[in-house]
């Protein structure tokens, strides 16, 4: 059996194969099914695999979005802290400049 070399598709193919094997091995009535009299099973799994790949991509994108959101929140709070600190320093500078002016006038 040839399985694609694309890393994002390979696990999905293995999931489909595992499900097919488990349905054959774990037959409902407990007896081995006789597939000799049936035709070859021709099923197009591309739609199923594409859905699985799309779901995997969506999950990956959601994880990245959550990471970026967390990083943004951290950077935003750090920026606000820096602005508050800067404002305090400017107020202190103005206060000290006022004291210098008072000392010069005395």
PDB file of N, CA and C in Angstrom:
ATOM      1  N   UNK A   1       0.847  -1.163   0.000  1.00  0.00           N
ATOM      2  CA  UNK A   1       0.000   0.000   0.000  1.00  0.00           C
ATOM      3  C   UNK A   1       0.898   1.232   0.000  1.00  0.00           C
ATOM      4  N   UNK A   2       0.567   2.164  -0.836  1.00  0.00           N
ATOM      5  CA  UNK A   2       1.328   3.402  -0.898  1.00  0.00           C
ATOM      6  C   UNK A   2       0.602   4.473  -0.101  1.00  0.00           C
ATOM      7  N   UNK A   3       1.321   5.076   0.806  1.00  0.00           N
ATOM      8  CA  UNK A   3       0.768   6.159   1.609  1.00  0.00           C
ATOM      9  C   UNK A   3       1.562   7.404   1.276  1.00  0.00           C
ATOM     10  N   UNK A   4       0.871   8.502   1.164  1.00  0.00           N
ATOM     11  CA  UNK A   4       1.493   9.752   0.751  1.00  0.00           C
ATOM     12  C   UNK A   4       2.653  10.135   1.670  1.00  0.00           C
ATOM     13  N   UNK A   5       3.570  10.932   1.144  1.00  0.00           N
ATOM     14  CA  UNK A   5       4.725  11.356   1.923  1.00  0.00           C
ATOM     15  C   UNK A   5       4.453  12.650   2.684  1.00  0.00           C
ATOM     16  N   UNK A   6       3.289  13.243   2.466  1.00  0.00           N
ATOM     17  CA  UNK A   6       2.952  14.472   3.167  1.00  0.00           C
ATOM     18  C   UNK A   6       2.716  14.179   4.646  1.00  0.00           C
ATOM     19  N   UNK A   7       3.447  14.863   5.469  1.00  0.00           N
ATOM     20  CA  UNK A   7       3.377  14.606   6.915  1.00  0.00           C
ATOM     21  C   UNK A   7       1.996  14.892   7.490  1.00  0.00           C
ATOM     22  N   UNK A   8       1.297  15.860   6.927  1.00  0.00           N
ATOM     23  CA  UNK A   8      -0.017  16.187   7.479  1.00  0.00           C
ATOM     24  C   UNK A   8      -1.075  15.169   7.084  1.00  0.00           C
ATOM     25  N   UNK A   9      -0.868  14.435   5.994  1.00  0.00           N
ATOM     26  CA  UNK A   9      -1.850  13.446   5.547  1.00  0.00           C
ATOM     27  C   UNK A   9      -1.582  12.049   6.098  1.00  0.00           C
ATOM     28  N   UNK A  10      -0.340  11.728   6.335  1.00  0.00           N
ATOM     29  CA  UNK A  10       0.027  10.368   6.730  1.00  0.00           C
ATOM     30  C   UNK A  10      -0.718   9.872   7.968  1.00  0.00           C
ATOM     31  N   UNK A  11      -0.797  10.641   9.060  1.00  0.00           N
ATOM     32  CA  UNK A  11      -1.533  10.144  10.237  1.00  0.00           C
ATOM     33  C   UNK A  11      -3.008   9.889   9.951  1.00  0.00           C
ATOM     34  N   UNK A  12      -3.582  10.679   9.056  1.00  0.00           N
ATOM     35  CA  UNK A  12      -4.997  10.491   8.736  1.00  0.00           C
ATOM     36  C   UNK A  12      -5.211   9.178   7.989  1.00  0.00           C
ATOM     37  N   UNK A  13      -4.291   8.838   7.099  1.00  0.00           N
ATOM     38  CA  UNK A  13      -4.382   7.556   6.406  1.00  0.00           C
ATOM     39  C   UNK A  13      -4.281   6.407   7.409  1.00  0.00           C
ATOM     40  N   UNK A  14      -3.369   6.523   8.362  1.00  0.00           N
ATOM     41  CA  UNK A  14      -3.217   5.471   9.369  1.00  0.00           C
ATOM     42  C   UNK A  14      -4.480   5.327  10.215  1.00  0.00           C
ATOM     43  N   UNK A  15      -5.142   6.449  10.512  1.00  0.00           N
ATOM     44  CA  UNK A  15      -6.390   6.372  11.280  1.00  0.00           C
ATOM     45  C   UNK A  15      -7.465   5.611  10.509  1.00  0.00           C
ATOM     46  N   UNK A  16      -7.567   5.891   9.207  1.00  0.00           N
ATOM     47  CA  UNK A  16      -8.562   5.200   8.383  1.00  0.00           C
ATOM     48  C   UNK A  16      -8.248   3.713   8.308  1.00  0.00           C
ATOM     49  N   UNK A  17      -6.975   3.378   8.116  1.00  0.00           N
ATOM     50  CA  UNK A  17      -6.566   1.970   8.047  1.00  0.00           C
ATOM     51  C   UNK A  17      -6.869   1.273   9.364  1.00  0.00           C
ATOM     52  N   UNK A  18      -6.542   1.931  10.475  1.00  0.00           N
ATOM     53  CA  UNK A  18      -6.792   1.338  11.791  1.00  0.00           C
ATOM     54  C   UNK A  18      -8.281   1.085  12.006  1.00  0.00           C
ATOM     55  N   UNK A  19      -9.111   2.031  11.592  1.00  0.00           N
ATOM     56  CA  UNK A  19     -10.555   1.867  11.753  1.00  0.00           C
ATOM     57  C   UNK A  19     -11.068   0.705  10.911  1.00  0.00           C
ATOM     58  N   UNK A  20     -10.590   0.596   9.674  1.00  0.00           N
ATOM     59  CA  UNK A  20     -11.014  -0.518   8.808  1.00  0.00           C
ATOM     60  C   UNK A  20     -10.599  -1.862   9.398  1.00  0.00           C
ATOM     61  N   UNK A  21      -9.362  -1.943   9.879  1.00  0.00           N
ATOM     62  CA  UNK A  21      -8.871  -3.195  10.457  1.00  0.00           C
ATOM     63  C   UNK A  21      -9.660  -3.548  11.710  1.00  0.00           C
ATOM     64  N   UNK A  22      -9.945  -2.556  12.538  1.00  0.00           N
ATOM     65  CA  UNK A  22     -10.687  -2.856  13.768  1.00  0.00           C
ATOM     66  C   UNK A  22     -12.102  -3.325  13.459  1.00  0.00           C
ATOM     67  N   UNK A  23     -12.700  -2.817  12.392  1.00  0.00           N
ATOM     68  CA  UNK A  23     -14.036  -3.275  12.025  1.00  0.00           C
ATOM     69  C   UNK A  23     -14.010  -4.699  11.505  1.00  0.00           C
ATOM     70  N   UNK A  24     -12.924  -5.084  10.835  1.00  0.00           N
ATOM     71  CA  UNK A  24     -12.814  -6.454  10.333  1.00  0.00           C
ATOM     72  C   UNK A  24     -12.499  -7.402  11.482  1.00  0.00           C
ATOM     73  N   UNK A  25     -11.544  -7.026  12.308  1.00  0.00           N
ATOM     74  CA  UNK A  25     -11.112  -7.901  13.398  1.00  0.00           C
ATOM     75  C   UNK A  25     -12.193  -8.009  14.465  1.00  0.00           C
ATOM     76  N   UNK A  26     -12.819  -6.925  14.790  1.00  0.00           N
ATOM     77  CA  UNK A  26     -13.828  -6.913  15.842  1.00  0.00           C
ATOM     78  C   UNK A  26     -15.226  -6.962  15.219  1.00  0.00           C
ATOM     79  N   UNK A  27     -15.522  -8.019  14.511  1.00  0.00           N
ATOM     80  CA  UNK A  27     -16.813  -8.173  13.858  1.00  0.00           C
ATOM     81  C   UNK A  27     -17.895  -8.351  14.911  1.00  0.00           C
ATOM     82  N   UNK A  28     -19.087  -7.867  14.652  1.00  0.00           N
ATOM     83  CA  UNK A  28     -20.159  -7.839  15.651  1.00  0.00           C
ATOM     84  C   UNK A  28     -20.586  -9.220  16.140  1.00  0.00           C
ATOM     85  N   UNK A  29     -20.724 -10.175  15.233  1.00  0.00           N
ATOM     86  CA  UNK A  29     -21.237 -11.478  15.657  1.00  0.00           C
ATOM     87  C   UNK A  29     -20.138 -12.414  16.168  1.00  0.00           C
ATOM     88  N   UNK A  30     -18.897 -11.935  16.220  1.00  0.00           N
ATOM     89  CA  UNK A  30     -17.818 -12.742  16.770  1.00  0.00           C
ATOM     90  C   UNK A  30     -17.242 -13.763  15.813  1.00  0.00           C
ATOM     91  N   UNK A  31     -17.706 -13.803  14.575  1.00  0.00           N
ATOM     92  CA  UNK A  31     -17.201 -14.762  13.591  1.00  0.00           C
ATOM     93  C   UNK A  31     -16.382 -14.018  12.550  1.00  0.00           C
ATOM     94  N   UNK A  32     -15.402 -14.708  11.986  1.00  0.00           N
ATOM     95  CA  UNK A  32     -14.621 -14.112  10.916  1.00  0.00           C
ATOM     96  C   UNK A  32     -15.493 -13.937   9.687  1.00  0.00           C
ATOM     97  N   UNK A  33     -15.547 -12.746   9.144  1.00  0.00           N
ATOM     98  CA  UNK A  33     -16.328 -12.558   7.925  1.00  0.00           C
ATOM     99  C   UNK A  33     -15.597 -13.171   6.734  1.00  0.00           C
ATOM    100  N   UNK A  34     -16.349 -13.706   5.793  1.00  0.00           N
ATOM    101  CA  UNK A  34     -15.768 -14.300   4.593  1.00  0.00           C
ATOM    102  C   UNK A  34     -15.855 -13.274   3.469  1.00  0.00           C
ATOM    103  N   UNK A  35     -14.725 -12.658   3.181  1.00  0.00           N
ATOM    104  CA  UNK A  35     -14.691 -11.651   2.134  1.00  0.00           C
ATOM    105  C   UNK A  35     -14.377 -12.253   0.770  1.00  0.00           C
ATOM    106  N   UNK A  36     -14.217 -13.542   0.691  1.00  0.00           N
ATOM    107  CA  UNK A  36     -13.870 -14.201  -0.567  1.00  0.00           C
ATOM    108  C   UNK A  36     -14.948 -14.084  -1.619  1.00  0.00           C
ATOM    109  N   UNK A  37     -16.191 -14.043  -1.213  1.00  0.00           N
ATOM    110  CA  UNK A  37     -17.273 -14.005  -2.195  1.00  0.00           C
ATOM    111  C   UNK A  37     -17.637 -12.579  -2.606  1.00  0.00           C
ATOM    112  N   UNK A  38     -17.120 -11.602  -1.924  1.00  0.00           N
ATOM    113  CA  UNK A  38     -17.444 -10.212  -2.230  1.00  0.00           C
ATOM    114  C   UNK A  38     -16.424  -9.634  -3.206  1.00  0.00           C
ATOM    115  N   UNK A  39     -16.842  -8.547  -3.840  1.00  0.00           N
ATOM    116  CA  UNK A  39     -15.919  -7.832  -4.705  1.00  0.00           C
ATOM    117  C   UNK A  39     -14.967  -7.020  -3.841  1.00  0.00           C
ATOM    118  N   UNK A  40     -13.956  -6.518  -4.483  1.00  0.00           N
ATOM    119  CA  UNK A  40     -12.972  -5.702  -3.785  1.00  0.00           C
ATOM    120  C   UNK A  40     -13.644  -4.424  -3.282  1.00  0.00           C
ATOM    121  N   UNK A  41     -13.281  -4.023  -2.083  1.00  0.00           N
ATOM    122  CA  UNK A  41     -13.863  -2.834  -1.475  1.00  0.00           C
ATOM    123  C   UNK A  41     -13.212  -1.594  -2.083  1.00  0.00           C
ATOM    124  N   UNK A  42     -13.947  -0.887  -2.911  1.00  0.00           N
ATOM    125  CA  UNK A  42     -13.448   0.345  -3.523  1.00  0.00           C
ATOM    126  C   UNK A  42     -14.187   1.525  -2.913  1.00  0.00           C
ATOM    127  N   UNK A  43     -13.514   2.168  -2.005  1.00  0.00           N
ATOM    128  CA  UNK A  43     -14.095   3.320  -1.335  1.00  0.00           C
ATOM    129  C   UNK A  43     -13.121   4.479  -1.477  1.00  0.00           C
ATOM    130  N   UNK A  44     -13.657   5.638  -1.784  1.00  0.00           N
ATOM    131  CA  UNK A  44     -12.828   6.833  -1.909  1.00  0.00           C
ATOM    132  C   UNK A  44     -12.757   7.520  -0.542  1.00  0.00           C
ATOM    133  N   UNK A  45     -11.594   7.454   0.059  1.00  0.00           N
ATOM    134  CA  UNK A  45     -11.400   8.020   1.390  1.00  0.00           C
ATOM    135  C   UNK A  45     -10.858   9.445   1.347  1.00  0.00           C
ATOM    136  N   UNK A  46     -10.671   9.999   0.156  1.00  0.00           N
ATOM    137  CA  UNK A  46     -10.041  11.320   0.074  1.00  0.00           C
ATOM    138  C   UNK A  46     -10.860  12.388   0.794  1.00  0.00           C
ATOM    139  N   UNK A  47     -12.191  12.318   0.685  1.00  0.00           N
ATOM    140  CA  UNK A  47     -13.025  13.312   1.356  1.00  0.00           C
ATOM    141  C   UNK A  47     -12.862  13.212   2.874  1.00  0.00           C
ATOM    142  N   UNK A  48     -12.874  12.003   3.387  1.00  0.00           N
ATOM    143  CA  UNK A  48     -12.708  11.784   4.827  1.00  0.00           C
ATOM    144  C   UNK A  48     -11.335  12.262   5.294  1.00  0.00           C
ATOM    145  N   UNK A  49     -10.326  11.923   4.539  1.00  0.00           N
ATOM    146  CA  UNK A  49      -8.965  12.316   4.914  1.00  0.00           C
ATOM    147  C   UNK A  49      -8.809  13.831   4.823  1.00  0.00           C
ATOM    148  N   UNK A  50      -9.399  14.439   3.794  1.00  0.00           N
ATOM    149  CA  UNK A  50      -9.340  15.895   3.681  1.00  0.00           C
ATOM    150  C   UNK A  50     -10.006  16.567   4.875  1.00  0.00           C
ATOM    151  N   UNK A  51     -11.127  16.026   5.328  1.00  0.00           N
ATOM    152  CA  UNK A  51     -11.792  16.582   6.507  1.00  0.00           C
ATOM    153  C   UNK A  51     -10.908  16.453   7.743  1.00  0.00           C
ATOM    154  N   UNK A  52     -10.260  15.310   7.887  1.00  0.00           N
ATOM    155  CA  UNK A  52      -9.377  15.108   9.042  1.00  0.00           C
ATOM    156  C   UNK A  52      -8.199  16.076   8.996  1.00  0.00           C
ATOM    157  N   UNK A  53      -7.640  16.266   7.801  1.00  0.00           N
ATOM    158  CA  UNK A  53      -6.520  17.191   7.656  1.00  0.00           C
ATOM    159  C   UNK A  53      -6.979  18.617   7.943  1.00  0.00           C
ATOM    160  N   UNK A  54      -8.153  18.986   7.424  1.00  0.00           N
ATOM    161  CA  UNK A  54      -8.676  20.325   7.686  1.00  0.00           C
ATOM    162  C   UNK A  54      -8.899  20.538   9.177  1.00  0.00           C
ATOM    163  N   UNK A  55      -9.421  19.527   9.860  1.00  0.00           N
ATOM    164  CA  UNK A  55      -9.635  19.635  11.306  1.00  0.00           C
ATOM    165  C   UNK A  55      -8.302  19.800  12.027  1.00  0.00           C
ATOM    166  N   UNK A  56      -7.290  19.043  11.583  1.00  0.00           N
ATOM    167  CA  UNK A  56      -5.969  19.155  12.204  1.00  0.00           C
ATOM    168  C   UNK A  56      -5.394  20.554  11.985  1.00  0.00           C
ATOM    169  N   UNK A  57      -5.591  21.100  10.788  1.00  0.00           N
ATOM    170  CA  UNK A  57      -5.090  22.444  10.508  1.00  0.00           C
ATOM    171  C   UNK A  57      -5.826  23.484  11.339  1.00  0.00           C
ATOM    172  N   UNK A  58      -7.136  23.317  11.502  1.00  0.00           N
ATOM    173  CA  UNK A  58      -7.918  24.248  12.320  1.00  0.00           C
ATOM    174  C   UNK A  58      -7.446  24.184  13.771  1.00  0.00           C
ATOM    175  N   UNK A  59      -7.228  22.980  14.273  1.00  0.00           N
ATOM    176  CA  UNK A  59      -6.744  22.830  15.651  1.00  0.00           C
ATOM    177  C   UNK A  59      -5.390  23.508  15.825  1.00  0.00           C
ATOM    178  N   UNK A  60      -4.511  23.305  14.847  1.00  0.00           N
ATOM    179  CA  UNK A  60      -3.183  23.919  14.904  1.00  0.00           C
ATOM    180  C   UNK A  60      -3.296  25.441  14.861  1.00  0.00           C
ATOM    181  N   UNK A  61      -4.178  25.953  14.011  1.00  0.00           N
ATOM    182  CA  UNK A  61      -4.371  27.403  13.909  1.00  0.00           C
ATOM    183  C   UNK A  61      -4.950  27.971  15.202  1.00  0.00           C
ATOM    184  N   UNK A  62      -5.864  27.233  15.827  1.00  0.00           N
ATOM    185  CA  UNK A  62      -6.433  27.694  17.097  1.00  0.00           C
ATOM    186  C   UNK A  62      -5.368  27.744  18.187  1.00  0.00           C
ATOM    187  N   UNK A  63      -4.470  26.764  18.197  1.00  0.00           N
ATOM    188  CA  UNK A  63      -3.382  26.783  19.176  1.00  0.00           C
ATOM    189  C   UNK A  63      -2.475  27.991  18.956  1.00  0.00           C
ATOM    190  N   UNK A  64      -2.135  28.250  17.688  1.00  0.00           N
ATOM    191  CA  UNK A  64      -1.284  29.405  17.384  1.00  0.00           C
ATOM    192  C   UNK A  64      -1.986  30.703  17.765  1.00  0.00           C
ATOM    193  N   UNK A  65      -3.295  30.795  17.484  1.00  0.00           N
ATOM    194  CA  UNK A  65      -4.050  31.998  17.830  1.00  0.00           C
ATOM    195  C   UNK A  65      -4.065  32.207  19.342  1.00  0.00           C
ATOM    196  N   UNK A  66      -4.222  31.132  20.091  1.00  0.00           N
ATOM    197  CA  UNK A  66      -4.213  31.244  21.554  1.00  0.00           C
ATOM    198  C   UNK A  66      -2.847  31.704  22.055  1.00  0.00           C
ATOM    199  N   UNK A  67      -1.782  31.167  21.448  1.00  0.00           N
ATOM    200  CA  UNK A  67      -0.431  31.581  21.840  1.00  0.00           C
ATOM    201  C   UNK A  67      -0.205  33.059  21.531  1.00  0.00           C
ATOM    202  N   UNK A  68      -0.631  33.493  20.326  1.00  0.00           N
ATOM    203  CA  UNK A  68      -0.454  34.891  19.956  1.00  0.00           C
ATOM    204  C   UNK A  68      -1.295  35.803  20.846  1.00  0.00           C
ATOM    205  N   UNK A  69      -2.485  35.374  21.200  1.00  0.00           N
ATOM    206  CA  UNK A  69      -3.336  36.167  22.076  1.00  0.00           C
ATOM    207  C   UNK A  69      -2.694  36.329  23.453  1.00  0.00           C
ATOM    208  N   UNK A  70      -2.149  35.246  23.969  1.00  0.00           N
ATOM    209  CA  UNK A  70      -1.482  35.295  25.273  1.00  0.00           C
ATOM    210  C   UNK A  70      -0.266  36.217  25.209  1.00  0.00           C
ATOM    211  N   UNK A  71       0.510  36.079  24.134  1.00  0.00           N
ATOM    212  CA  UNK A  71       1.702  36.913  23.977  1.00  0.00           C
ATOM    213  C   UNK A  71       1.303  38.384  23.843  1.00  0.00           C
ATOM    214  N   UNK A  72       0.228  38.649  23.087  1.00  0.00           N
ATOM    215  CA  UNK A  72      -0.252  40.023  22.932  1.00  0.00           C
ATOM    216  C   UNK A  72      -0.663  40.602  24.279  1.00  0.00           C
ATOM    217  N   UNK A  73      -1.405  39.833  25.067  1.00  0.00           N
ATOM    218  CA  UNK A  73      -1.847  40.303  26.383  1.00  0.00           C
ATOM    219  C   UNK A  73      -0.654  40.629  27.279  1.00  0.00           C
ATOM    220  N   UNK A  74       0.364  39.764  27.238  1.00  0.00           N
ATOM    221  CA  UNK A  74       1.560  40.005  28.046  1.00  0.00           C
ATOM    222  C   UNK A  74       2.276  41.275  27.598  1.00  0.00           C
ATOM    223  N   UNK A  75       2.435  41.429  26.281  1.00  0.00           N
ATOM    224  CA  UNK A  75       3.112  42.613  25.749  1.00  0.00           C
ATOM    225  C   UNK A  75       2.307  43.882  26.040  1.00  0.00           C
ATOM    226  N   UNK A  76       0.990  43.780  25.935  1.00  0.00           N
ATOM    227  CA  UNK A  76       0.136  44.938  26.183  1.00  0.00           C
ATOM    228  C   UNK A  76       0.228  45.374  27.639  1.00  0.00           C
ATOM    229  N   UNK A  77       0.181  44.417  28.558  1.00  0.00           N
ATOM    230  CA  UNK A  77       0.276  44.774  29.979  1.00  0.00           C
ATOM    231  C   UNK A  77       1.665  45.319  30.305  1.00  0.00           C
ATOM    232  N   UNK A  78       2.704  44.766  29.672  1.00  0.00           N
ATOM    233  CA  UNK A  78       4.056  45.282  29.889  1.00  0.00           C
ATOM    234  C   UNK A  78       4.163  46.715  29.368  1.00  0.00           C
ATOM    235  N   UNK A  79       3.528  46.995  28.234  1.00  0.00           N
ATOM    236  CA  UNK A  79       3.542  48.348  27.667  1.00  0.00           C
ATOM    237  C   UNK A  79       2.812  49.316  28.592  1.00  0.00           C
ATOM    238  N   UNK A  80       1.668  48.900  29.121  1.00  0.00           N
ATOM    239  CA  UNK A  80       0.928  49.765  30.038  1.00  0.00           C
ATOM    240  C   UNK A  80       1.745  50.042  31.298  1.00  0.00           C
ATOM    241  N   UNK A  81       2.416  49.012  31.809  1.00  0.00           N
ATOM    242  CA  UNK A  81       3.263  49.198  32.989  1.00  0.00           C
ATOM    243  C   UNK A  81       4.390  50.183  32.692  1.00  0.00           C
ATOM    244  N   UNK A  82       4.996  50.047  31.512  1.00  0.00           N
ATOM    245  CA  UNK A  82       6.090  50.941  31.133  1.00  0.00           C
ATOM    246  C   UNK A  82       5.589  52.376  30.980  1.00  0.00           C
ATOM    247  N   UNK A  83       4.399  52.553  30.407  1.00  0.00           N
ATOM    248  CA  UNK A  83       3.839  53.898  30.265  1.00  0.00           C
ATOM    249  C   UNK A  83       3.538  54.511  31.630  1.00  0.00           C
ATOM    250  N   UNK A  84       2.996  53.716  32.542  1.00  0.00           N
ATOM    251  CA  UNK A  84       2.706  54.217  33.888  1.00  0.00           C
ATOM    252  C   UNK A  84       3.999  54.616  34.593  1.00  0.00           C
ATOM    253  N   UNK A  85       5.018  53.803  34.450  1.00  0.00           N
ATOM    254  CA  UNK A  85       6.316  54.103  35.063  1.00  0.00           C
ATOM    255  C   UNK A  85       6.910  55.367  34.453  1.00  0.00           C
ATOM    256  N   UNK A  86       6.782  55.508  33.149  1.00  0.00           N
ATOM    257  CA  UNK A  86       7.290  56.697  32.460  1.00  0.00           C
ATOM    258  C   UNK A  86       6.562  57.949  32.937  1.00  0.00           C
ATOM    259  N   UNK A  87       5.262  57.844  33.106  1.00  0.00           N
ATOM    260  CA  UNK A  87       4.483  58.990  33.583  1.00  0.00           C
ATOM    261  C   UNK A  87       4.904  59.374  35.002  1.00  0.00           C
ATOM    262  N   UNK A  88       5.143  58.389  35.854  1.00  0.00           N
ATOM    263  CA  UNK A  88       5.604  58.673  37.218  1.00  0.00           C
ATOM    264  C   UNK A  88       6.952  59.380  37.191  1.00  0.00           C
ATOM    265  N   UNK A  89       7.838  58.922  36.308  1.00  0.00           N
ATOM    266  CA  UNK A  89       9.179  59.534  36.213  1.00  0.00           C
ATOM    267  C   UNK A  89       9.062  60.979  35.715  1.00  0.00           C
ATOM    268  N   UNK A  90       8.177  61.236  34.742  1.00  0.00           N
ATOM    269  CA  UNK A  90       7.993  62.599  34.238  1.00  0.00           C
ATOM    270  C   UNK A  90       7.452  63.509  35.330  1.00  0.00           C
ATOM    271  N   UNK A  91       6.514  63.001  36.127  1.00  0.00           N
ATOM    272  CA  UNK A  91       5.984  63.791  37.239  1.00  0.00           C
ATOM    273  C   UNK A  91       7.087  64.099  38.254  1.00  0.00           C
ATOM    274  N   UNK A  92       7.924  63.131  38.512  1.00  0.00           N
ATOM    275  CA  UNK A  92       9.037  63.318  39.452  1.00  0.00           C
ATOM    276  C   UNK A  92      10.013  64.359  38.901  1.00  0.00           C
ATOM    277  N   UNK A  93      10.258  64.289  37.575  1.00  0.00           N
ATOM    278  CA  UNK A  93      11.160  65.265  36.948  1.00  0.00           C
ATOM    279  C   UNK A  93      10.585  66.674  37.085  1.00  0.00           C
ATOM    280  N   UNK A  94       9.288  66.828  36.829  1.00  0.00           N
ATOM    281  CA  UNK A  94       8.652  68.146  36.954  1.00  0.00           C
ATOM    282  C   UNK A  94       8.721  68.649  38.391  1.00  0.00           C
ATOM    283  N   UNK A  95       8.518  67.749  39.325  1.00  0.00           N
ATOM    284  CA  UNK A  95       8.593  68.123  40.743  1.00  0.00           C
ATOM    285  C   UNK A  95       9.999  68.589  41.101  1.00  0.00           C
ATOM    286  N   UNK A  96      11.001  67.851  40.619  1.00  0.00           N
ATOM    287  CA  UNK A  96      12.387  68.229  40.910  1.00  0.00           C
ATOM    288  C   UNK A  96      12.760  69.536  40.211  1.00  0.00           C
ATOM    289  N   UNK A  97      12.258  69.751  38.992  1.00  0.00           N
ATOM    290  CA  UNK A  97      12.520  71.014  38.300  1.00  0.00           C
ATOM    291  C   UNK A  97      11.895  72.181  39.066  1.00  0.00           C
ATOM    292  N   UNK A  98      10.713  71.949  39.601  1.00  0.00           N
ATOM    293  CA  UNK A  98      10.070  72.991  40.423  1.00  0.00           C
ATOM    294  C   UNK A  98      10.894  73.296  41.660  1.00  0.00           C
ATOM    295  N   UNK A  99      11.447  72.268  42.289  1.00  0.00           N
ATOM    296  CA  UNK A  99      12.289  72.478  43.467  1.00  0.00           C
ATOM    297  C   UNK A  99      13.556  73.241  43.091  1.00  0.00           C
ATOM    298  N   UNK A 100      14.108  72.932  41.914  1.00  0.00           N
ATOM    299  CA  UNK A 100      15.315  73.636  41.465  1.00  0.00           C
ATOM    300  C   UNK A 100      15.007  75.118  41.254  1.00  0.00           C
ATOM    301  N   UNK A 101      13.870  75.395  40.626  1.00  0.00           N
ATOM    302  CA  UNK A 101      13.475  76.797  40.409  1.00  0.00           C
ATOM    303  C   UNK A 101      13.285  77.519  41.740  1.00  0.00           C
ATOM    304  N   UNK A 102      12.680  76.854  42.699  1.00  0.00           N
ATOM    305  CA  UNK A 102      12.483  77.458  44.025  1.00  0.00           C
ATOM    306  C   UNK A 102      13.817  77.734  44.693  1.00  0.00           C
ATOM    307  N   UNK A 103      14.768  76.832  44.558  1.00  0.00           N
ATOM    308  CA  UNK A 103      16.080  77.033  45.171  1.00  0.00           C
ATOM    309  C   UNK A 103      16.841  78.164  44.485  1.00  0.00           C
ATOM    310  N   UNK A 104      16.668  78.315  43.172  1.00  0.00           N
ATOM    311  CA  UNK A 104      17.358  79.387  42.446  1.00  0.00           C
ATOM    312  C   UNK A 104      16.800  80.757  42.836  1.00  0.00           C
ATOM    313  N   UNK A 105      15.512  80.817  43.077  1.00  0.00           N
ATOM    314  CA  UNK A 105      14.902  82.111  43.432  1.00  0.00           C
ATOM    315  C   UNK A 105      15.214  82.510  44.871  1.00  0.00           C
ATOM    316  N   UNK A 106      15.625  81.633  45.702  1.00  0.00           N
ATOM    317  CA  UNK A 106      15.922  81.964  47.105  1.00  0.00           C
ATOM    318  C   UNK A 106      17.245  82.584  47.258  1.00  0.00           C
TER     319      UNK A 106
END
